Protein backbone atom coordinates (compact mmCIF):
# COMPACT_ATOMS: atom_id res chain seq x y z
CA MET A 1 -34.35 -104.35 -4.21
CA SER A 2 -34.34 -105.29 -7.83
CA GLU A 3 -30.96 -106.81 -9.39
CA THR A 4 -31.23 -103.94 -11.57
CA LEU A 5 -31.44 -101.38 -9.21
CA LYS A 6 -28.31 -102.72 -7.19
CA ASN A 7 -26.19 -102.65 -10.50
CA ALA A 8 -27.45 -99.49 -11.28
CA MET A 9 -26.35 -97.83 -7.50
CA ALA A 10 -23.09 -100.34 -7.90
CA SER A 11 -21.71 -98.39 -11.09
CA SER A 12 -22.87 -95.06 -10.05
CA THR A 13 -20.07 -92.16 -10.59
CA PRO A 14 -18.93 -91.30 -6.47
CA ALA A 15 -19.71 -87.29 -5.59
CA PRO A 16 -16.10 -86.89 -5.41
CA VAL A 17 -15.34 -87.79 -9.21
CA MET A 18 -18.75 -85.90 -10.39
CA VAL A 19 -17.36 -83.25 -8.40
CA ALA A 20 -14.31 -83.07 -9.79
CA GLY A 21 -15.53 -83.34 -13.63
CA ILE A 22 -18.06 -80.71 -13.43
CA ALA A 23 -15.05 -78.58 -11.68
CA ILE A 24 -13.14 -78.78 -14.85
CA ILE A 25 -15.87 -78.57 -17.13
CA ALA A 26 -16.93 -75.47 -15.16
CA THR A 27 -13.85 -73.68 -14.59
CA ARG A 28 -12.74 -74.04 -18.11
CA CYS A 29 -15.76 -73.18 -19.97
CA LEU A 30 -16.01 -70.06 -17.23
CA SER A 31 -12.28 -69.13 -17.55
CA VAL A 32 -13.20 -68.58 -21.37
CA LEU A 33 -16.08 -66.69 -21.03
CA MET A 34 -14.76 -64.36 -18.61
CA LEU A 35 -11.57 -63.43 -20.47
CA ALA A 36 -14.06 -63.32 -23.56
CA ASN A 37 -15.81 -59.97 -21.68
CA GLU A 38 -13.03 -58.89 -19.79
CA LEU A 39 -10.91 -58.65 -22.76
CA GLY A 40 -13.94 -57.50 -25.67
CA PHE A 41 -14.52 -58.90 -29.25
CA GLU A 42 -10.91 -56.47 -30.23
CA GLU A 43 -8.95 -57.85 -28.17
CA ILE A 44 -9.17 -61.27 -28.31
CA ALA A 45 -8.78 -60.62 -31.96
CA ASN A 46 -5.98 -58.88 -31.67
CA PHE A 47 -4.68 -61.47 -29.30
CA VAL A 48 -5.36 -63.99 -32.00
CA HIS A 49 -3.53 -62.16 -34.76
CA ARG A 50 -0.57 -61.47 -32.23
CA SER A 51 -0.29 -65.53 -31.77
CA ALA A 52 -0.31 -65.69 -35.56
CA GLN A 53 2.31 -63.64 -36.18
CA THR A 54 4.87 -66.49 -35.62
CA TRP A 55 4.48 -69.95 -36.24
CA ASP A 56 6.13 -70.36 -32.31
CA SER A 57 3.52 -68.46 -31.47
CA THR A 58 0.92 -70.03 -33.43
CA LEU A 59 2.17 -73.67 -32.28
CA ILE A 60 1.38 -72.63 -28.87
CA PHE A 61 -1.73 -70.96 -29.47
CA ILE A 62 -3.14 -73.82 -30.87
CA ALA A 63 -1.29 -76.16 -28.61
CA SER A 64 -2.81 -74.45 -25.76
CA GLN A 65 -7.14 -74.58 -27.79
CA LEU A 66 -6.04 -78.71 -28.01
CA ILE A 67 -5.08 -79.04 -24.12
CA PHE A 68 -8.37 -76.90 -23.51
CA LEU A 69 -10.31 -79.24 -25.79
CA PHE A 70 -8.85 -82.62 -24.78
CA GLU A 71 -8.94 -81.37 -20.27
CA LEU A 72 -12.83 -81.45 -21.16
CA ARG A 73 -12.60 -84.53 -22.93
CA CYS A 74 -10.69 -86.28 -20.01
CA ALA A 75 -13.62 -84.37 -18.03
CA PHE A 76 -16.24 -86.37 -19.83
CA THR A 77 -14.24 -89.39 -19.73
CA LEU A 78 -13.21 -89.36 -15.81
CA MET A 79 -17.05 -89.23 -14.68
CA ARG A 80 -17.84 -92.16 -16.79
CA GLY A 81 -15.05 -93.93 -14.43
CA SER A 82 -12.39 -94.28 -16.86
CA ASN A 83 -8.91 -94.31 -15.45
CA ARG A 84 -7.09 -92.66 -19.16
CA GLY A 85 -9.37 -89.59 -18.32
CA ARG A 86 -7.93 -88.96 -14.87
CA TRP A 87 -4.54 -89.71 -16.10
CA GLY A 88 -5.29 -87.38 -18.90
CA TYR A 89 -6.41 -84.71 -17.01
CA VAL A 90 -2.81 -84.93 -14.54
CA THR A 91 -0.46 -85.28 -17.95
CA THR A 92 -1.76 -82.13 -18.70
CA GLN A 93 -1.84 -80.00 -15.85
CA VAL A 94 1.91 -80.92 -15.45
CA ILE A 95 2.45 -80.00 -19.17
CA VAL A 96 0.57 -76.55 -18.24
CA LEU A 97 2.76 -76.14 -15.01
CA ILE A 98 5.93 -76.89 -16.53
CA TYR A 99 5.24 -73.80 -19.23
CA MET A 100 3.34 -71.54 -17.21
CA LEU A 101 7.07 -71.42 -15.10
CA MET A 102 9.41 -71.46 -18.07
CA ALA A 103 7.43 -68.99 -20.05
CA SER A 104 6.77 -66.85 -16.55
CA VAL A 105 10.60 -66.92 -15.92
CA GLY A 106 12.08 -66.43 -19.37
CA TRP A 107 13.58 -69.41 -20.18
CA ILE A 108 11.87 -70.50 -23.15
CA TYR A 109 9.64 -68.08 -26.10
CA PRO A 110 7.32 -66.74 -27.00
CA GLU A 111 5.49 -66.01 -23.75
CA ILE A 112 2.24 -66.26 -24.29
CA PHE A 113 0.84 -67.77 -21.43
CA SER A 114 2.99 -66.06 -19.12
CA ILE A 115 2.77 -64.57 -15.88
CA PRO A 116 4.52 -61.29 -14.97
CA GLY A 117 6.56 -60.67 -11.27
CA GLU A 118 9.20 -58.85 -10.16
CA SER A 119 11.25 -61.95 -8.94
CA ASN A 120 11.35 -65.34 -9.68
CA ALA A 121 10.17 -66.92 -6.27
CA GLN A 122 6.98 -64.55 -6.77
CA ILE A 123 6.60 -65.70 -10.10
CA VAL A 124 6.67 -69.31 -8.94
CA HIS A 125 4.48 -68.17 -5.70
CA HIS A 126 1.44 -66.67 -8.09
CA THR A 127 1.17 -69.55 -10.50
CA LEU A 128 0.94 -72.25 -8.11
CA LEU A 129 -1.47 -69.79 -6.75
CA GLN A 130 -3.37 -70.17 -9.93
CA LYS A 131 -3.25 -73.92 -10.23
CA VAL A 132 -4.91 -74.29 -6.59
CA PRO A 133 -8.46 -75.06 -8.16
CA ASP A 134 -6.70 -77.63 -10.57
CA LEU A 135 -5.20 -79.55 -7.13
CA MET A 136 -7.93 -79.49 -5.69
CA VAL A 137 -9.38 -81.77 -8.43
CA LEU A 138 -6.79 -83.83 -8.42
CA LEU A 139 -7.29 -84.40 -4.73
CA LEU A 140 -10.96 -85.33 -5.29
CA LEU A 141 -9.77 -87.52 -8.10
CA PHE A 142 -6.87 -89.65 -6.00
CA VAL A 143 -7.58 -89.10 -2.55
CA PRO A 144 -10.97 -90.72 -1.98
CA ALA A 145 -11.45 -93.77 -1.03
CA THR A 146 -14.53 -93.81 -3.39
CA SER A 147 -12.62 -92.24 -6.05
CA ARG A 148 -9.70 -94.44 -5.99
CA ALA A 149 -12.45 -97.85 -5.88
CA PHE A 150 -14.10 -96.45 -8.95
CA PHE A 151 -11.44 -96.27 -10.70
CA ARG A 152 -9.78 -99.31 -9.76
CA HIS A 153 -13.09 -101.51 -10.73
CA ARG A 154 -13.31 -99.87 -14.54
């Protein structure tokens, strides 16, 4: 085997990391497309208008867009072996989970991205169910030995 081919094989991204990166990109982009399809143009315009009514709603709306873009950036960088991309994605998931739980329970306002429920236990359950795909992605990034070795040597 030539030296160039050996180097290319040694530096290739492991399958779990590649799957995780593609999953992040696919779930984020598909969720936006599905939401746009479900709401339609008029309801999206109403949502943006309602989000711009007060400063706190506007800041949370802008923060959500920045988190979306940051998650996409993390996906691309972690597929190239950046440990910062992996930990950046973990950080965004923790921030989103904390915000969703606090907004859904009614501890912080505005509740733009909250999950309805009859009791706090039901809200927590629904929130955690929504985060299962992200948990699977995190497992792909941290559990397999190939993933850990990939980020350790970068």
